[in-house]
Amino acid sequence: MNKNINNGTLFVVPTPIGNLEDITLRAIRILQEVDTVVCEDTRQTIKLLSHLKISKPLISFYTQNQLKRIPQIVSMLENGKNIALVSDCGTPAISDPGYYLIKEALDKNITVVPLPGACALITALVGSGLTTDSFVFLGFLKKKAGKMKKELEQAKQVEKTIVFYESPHRILKTLEICKEVFGEQTKIVLARELTKKFEEFIRGTIKEVFDIMSNREILGEFIVLVNPAQTNSVENISEN
């Protein structure tokens, strides 16, 4: 089908994951030019737009209201409005409901233009020291221990670097399950506070990293990276 020339465009705009300098010039221009910004949390987006000296109408869009919002946003696009989709941080649609809006827009023959930019999982991967030629991204793991273990066991079979997100209150339990699934001498990396003042990579075997985390205050959201094929003990565990 040919694009309806009266339709607007949905721009997928990455935002900084911490350091505000990491927004691109193109992202700033798009945010200046669109009619409306669709965002995860209006309070967070207002802070970013205020920093950029941009004022735009905002529409909140998150898991609990997506069914109501999608028809509204698609209708605006069909009526010629250009819209920027952003998340609180990073690239929209990565483990957030932006995927559903993008899919619906494409199903309605609306042009979707994704911009490159900040992405926490890619930033963590390239700084991890684990193999980067191929990887598996699991998003947020299942909450129940049994389901989490099954999910990790399935991912283990591909023998690639596995990347997932984890919260501070679950990280120790998740590391215990990783020891069961991968073995305690498998290399693992925890990344937290990426691009911020207290950015940190904690590298070592699963046992070494578990021992470190068991003896410190646990703060911040984590990106966890593990490679079942890399099992040699790391000589130096670094905390930067």
Protein backbone atom coordinates (compact mmCIF):
# COMPACT_ATOMS: atom_id res chain seq x y z
CA MET A 1 0.00 0.00 0.00
CA ASN A 2 1.11 3.57 -0.66
CA LYS A 3 1.40 5.99 2.21
CA ASN A 4 -1.54 8.32 2.69
CA ILE A 5 -0.01 11.74 1.99
CA ASN A 6 -2.32 13.25 4.60
CA ASN A 7 -0.88 11.11 7.39
CA GLY A 8 1.63 12.45 9.84
CA THR A 9 4.82 10.66 10.84
CA LEU A 10 5.64 8.84 14.05
CA PHE A 11 9.24 9.55 15.08
CA VAL A 12 10.85 7.15 17.58
CA VAL A 13 13.24 9.36 19.52
CA PRO A 14 15.84 7.99 21.97
CA THR A 15 16.52 10.11 25.03
CA PRO A 16 19.56 10.10 27.38
CA ILE A 17 19.89 7.19 29.81
CA GLY A 18 21.57 9.47 32.31
CA ASN A 19 23.92 12.09 30.92
CA LEU A 20 21.86 14.79 29.20
CA GLU A 21 24.68 15.43 26.72
CA ASP A 22 23.91 12.12 25.07
CA ILE A 23 20.89 13.35 23.12
CA THR A 24 21.59 13.80 19.42
CA LEU A 25 21.27 16.98 17.40
CA ARG A 26 18.73 15.26 15.18
CA ALA A 27 16.64 14.21 18.19
CA ILE A 28 16.58 17.82 19.40
CA ARG A 29 15.47 19.05 15.97
CA ILE A 30 12.67 16.47 15.75
CA LEU A 31 11.43 17.35 19.24
CA GLN A 32 11.36 21.00 18.19
CA GLU A 33 9.44 20.30 14.99
CA VAL A 34 6.77 17.73 15.95
CA ASP A 35 3.26 18.68 17.01
CA THR A 36 3.10 16.42 20.06
CA VAL A 37 5.36 14.27 22.22
CA VAL A 38 4.11 10.89 23.45
CA CYS A 39 6.00 9.90 26.58
CA GLU A 40 6.15 7.36 29.37
CA ASP A 41 6.07 9.82 32.28
CA THR A 42 5.19 13.45 31.56
CA ARG A 43 7.13 14.61 34.63
CA GLN A 44 10.38 13.11 33.33
CA THR A 45 9.86 14.36 29.79
CA ILE A 46 9.07 17.89 30.96
CA LYS A 47 12.47 17.95 32.70
CA LEU A 48 14.24 16.97 29.47
CA LEU A 49 12.28 19.38 27.28
CA SER A 50 12.81 22.20 29.75
CA HIS A 51 16.55 21.51 29.67
CA LEU A 52 16.40 21.73 25.87
CA LYS A 53 14.18 24.85 26.04
CA ILE A 54 11.41 23.07 24.11
CA SER A 55 7.70 23.35 24.89
CA LYS A 56 5.30 20.80 23.38
CA PRO A 57 1.93 19.20 24.24
CA LEU A 58 2.54 15.88 26.00
CA ILE A 59 0.51 12.67 25.98
CA SER A 60 1.30 10.02 28.61
CA PHE A 61 1.66 6.50 27.27
CA TYR A 62 2.50 3.55 29.49
CA THR A 63 1.44 -0.06 30.07
CA GLN A 64 -1.67 0.74 32.12
CA ASN A 65 -3.21 3.20 29.62
CA GLN A 66 -1.90 1.95 26.27
CA LEU A 67 -5.19 0.41 25.11
CA LYS A 68 -6.91 3.77 25.52
CA ARG A 69 -4.10 5.87 24.14
CA ILE A 70 -3.21 3.96 20.96
CA PRO A 71 -6.44 4.79 19.07
CA GLN A 72 -6.14 8.44 20.14
CA ILE A 73 -2.53 8.73 18.97
CA VAL A 74 -3.14 6.87 15.70
CA SER A 75 -6.11 9.14 14.98
CA MET A 76 -3.88 12.18 15.43
CA LEU A 77 -1.33 10.70 13.02
CA GLU A 78 -4.05 9.95 10.48
CA ASN A 79 -5.09 13.58 10.72
CA GLY A 80 -1.65 14.80 9.73
CA LYS A 81 -0.01 15.37 13.12
CA ASN A 82 3.67 14.57 13.46
CA ILE A 83 4.41 12.87 16.76
CA ALA A 84 7.58 11.99 18.67
CA LEU A 85 7.54 8.86 20.81
CA VAL A 86 9.99 8.94 23.73
CA SER A 87 10.54 6.88 26.87
CA ASP A 88 11.84 8.05 30.25
CA CYS A 89 15.34 7.11 29.11
CA GLY A 90 16.92 5.33 26.20
CA THR A 91 15.35 3.98 23.05
CA PRO A 92 11.53 3.59 23.04
CA ALA A 93 9.98 0.16 22.38
CA ILE A 94 12.83 -1.73 24.08
CA SER A 95 10.96 -3.53 26.88
CA ASP A 96 8.22 -0.90 26.92
CA PRO A 97 4.78 -0.48 25.30
CA GLY A 98 6.11 1.72 22.52
CA TYR A 99 6.29 -1.46 20.45
CA TYR A 100 2.50 -1.72 20.33
CA LEU A 101 2.07 1.86 19.15
CA ILE A 102 4.70 1.42 16.44
CA LYS A 103 3.07 -1.82 15.25
CA GLU A 104 -0.37 -0.21 15.11
CA ALA A 105 0.96 2.80 13.21
CA LEU A 106 2.60 0.52 10.64
CA ASP A 107 -0.59 -1.53 10.35
CA LYS A 108 -2.42 1.72 9.53
CA ASN A 109 0.17 2.51 6.83
CA ILE A 110 1.63 5.41 8.83
CA THR A 111 5.31 6.18 8.34
CA VAL A 112 7.50 5.35 11.33
CA VAL A 113 10.96 6.93 11.47
CA PRO A 114 13.31 5.49 14.12
CA LEU A 115 16.23 7.65 15.23
CA PRO A 116 19.49 6.14 16.50
CA GLY A 117 20.60 7.09 19.98
CA ALA A 118 21.15 6.07 23.58
CA CYS A 119 20.30 2.48 24.53
CA ALA A 120 21.24 1.04 27.91
CA LEU A 121 21.62 -2.56 26.78
CA ILE A 122 24.02 -1.67 23.93
CA THR A 123 26.05 0.66 26.16
CA ALA A 124 26.39 -2.10 28.74
CA LEU A 125 27.22 -4.75 26.14
CA VAL A 126 30.08 -2.87 24.50
CA GLY A 127 31.61 -2.03 27.89
CA SER A 128 31.19 -5.49 29.37
CA GLY A 129 34.23 -7.25 27.95
CA LEU A 130 32.03 -10.21 26.97
CA THR A 131 31.67 -11.29 23.36
CA THR A 132 29.64 -8.84 21.27
CA ASP A 133 29.46 -10.52 17.85
CA SER A 134 26.06 -11.95 18.76
CA PHE A 135 23.85 -11.76 21.84
CA VAL A 136 20.41 -12.57 23.24
CA PHE A 137 18.36 -9.86 24.93
CA LEU A 138 15.72 -11.06 27.41
CA GLY A 139 14.37 -7.73 28.67
CA PHE A 140 13.01 -8.21 32.21
CA LEU A 141 13.03 -11.83 33.36
CA LYS A 142 10.00 -13.63 34.77
CA LYS A 143 9.47 -12.83 38.44
CA LYS A 144 8.88 -16.37 39.71
CA ALA A 145 12.11 -18.26 40.36
CA GLY A 146 11.05 -21.38 38.46
CA LYS A 147 10.05 -19.46 35.35
CA MET A 148 13.19 -17.32 35.53
CA LYS A 149 15.36 -20.43 35.73
CA LYS A 150 13.60 -21.98 32.74
CA GLU A 151 14.03 -18.77 30.74
CA LEU A 152 17.76 -18.65 31.45
CA GLU A 153 18.22 -22.36 30.71
CA GLN A 154 16.63 -21.85 27.30
CA ALA A 155 18.85 -18.85 26.56
CA LYS A 156 21.93 -20.82 27.67
CA GLN A 157 21.50 -23.23 24.77
CA VAL A 158 22.44 -20.63 22.15
CA GLU A 159 25.90 -20.06 23.70
CA LYS A 160 25.83 -16.31 23.14
CA THR A 161 26.13 -13.37 25.52
CA ILE A 162 22.84 -13.02 27.40
CA VAL A 163 21.65 -9.55 28.40
CA PHE A 164 18.72 -8.67 30.67
CA TYR A 165 17.48 -6.00 33.07
CA GLU A 166 17.11 -6.49 36.81
CA SER A 167 15.95 -4.43 39.79
CA PRO A 168 18.08 -3.83 42.92
CA HIS A 169 15.81 -5.77 45.27
CA ARG A 170 15.97 -8.91 43.11
CA ILE A 171 19.59 -8.90 41.99
CA LEU A 172 20.96 -11.27 44.68
CA LYS A 173 18.24 -13.85 44.08
CA THR A 174 18.83 -13.59 40.35
CA LEU A 175 22.57 -14.12 40.83
CA GLU A 176 21.83 -17.24 42.89
CA ILE A 177 19.71 -18.61 40.04
CA CYS A 178 22.47 -17.72 37.56
CA LYS A 179 24.90 -19.79 39.64
CA GLU A 180 22.53 -22.77 39.36
CA VAL A 181 21.99 -22.39 35.63
CA PHE A 182 25.44 -21.35 34.36
CA GLY A 183 27.81 -22.50 37.08
CA GLU A 184 29.59 -20.24 39.55
CA GLN A 185 32.77 -19.87 37.43
CA THR A 186 30.95 -18.39 34.44
CA LYS A 187 31.82 -14.78 33.67
CA ILE A 188 29.17 -12.18 34.47
CA VAL A 189 29.00 -8.40 34.38
CA LEU A 190 26.66 -6.04 36.23
CA ALA A 191 26.29 -2.52 34.85
CA ARG A 192 24.57 0.26 36.76
CA GLU A 193 24.16 4.04 36.65
CA LEU A 194 25.41 4.09 33.06
CA THR A 195 26.55 7.53 31.78
CA LYS A 196 25.96 9.01 35.26
CA LYS A 197 28.43 10.20 37.89
CA PHE A 198 28.56 6.84 39.67
CA GLU A 199 28.64 4.64 36.58
CA GLU A 200 29.89 1.19 37.51
CA PHE A 201 30.78 -2.13 35.89
CA ILE A 202 31.19 -5.07 38.27
CA ARG A 203 33.01 -7.88 36.46
CA GLY A 204 34.02 -11.37 37.54
CA THR A 205 32.75 -14.91 37.86
CA ILE A 206 29.19 -15.31 39.11
CA LYS A 207 30.54 -16.40 42.51
CA GLU A 208 32.89 -13.42 42.75
CA VAL A 209 30.21 -10.92 41.76
CA PHE A 210 27.66 -12.51 44.12
CA ASP A 211 30.13 -12.18 47.01
CA ILE A 212 30.73 -8.51 46.17
CA MET A 213 27.02 -7.72 46.00
CA SER A 214 26.31 -9.59 49.24
CA ASN A 215 28.57 -7.21 51.15
CA ARG A 216 27.46 -3.80 49.93
CA GLU A 217 24.45 -1.55 49.69
CA ILE A 218 22.56 -2.31 46.49
CA LEU A 219 21.29 0.73 44.60
CA GLY A 220 20.17 1.44 41.05
CA GLU A 221 18.74 -0.62 38.22
CA PHE A 222 21.03 -3.26 36.75
CA ILE A 223 21.87 -4.54 33.31
CA VAL A 224 23.13 -8.10 33.68
CA LEU A 225 25.37 -9.73 31.08
CA VAL A 226 26.51 -13.34 31.17
CA ASN A 227 28.11 -15.63 28.62
CA PRO A 228 27.78 -19.40 29.22
CA ALA A 229 30.76 -20.05 26.93
CA GLN A 230 33.13 -17.82 28.94
CA THR A 231 33.98 -19.64 32.15
CA ASN A 232 37.58 -18.77 32.99
CA SER A 233 38.05 -16.90 36.23
CA VAL A 234 38.73 -13.19 35.78
CA GLU A 235 42.06 -12.10 37.26
CA ASN A 236 40.97 -8.58 38.15
CA ILE A 237 37.49 -7.59 39.21
CA SER A 238 37.05 -3.93 38.40
CA GLU A 239 34.72 -1.40 39.92
CA ASN A 240 34.90 1.88 38.03
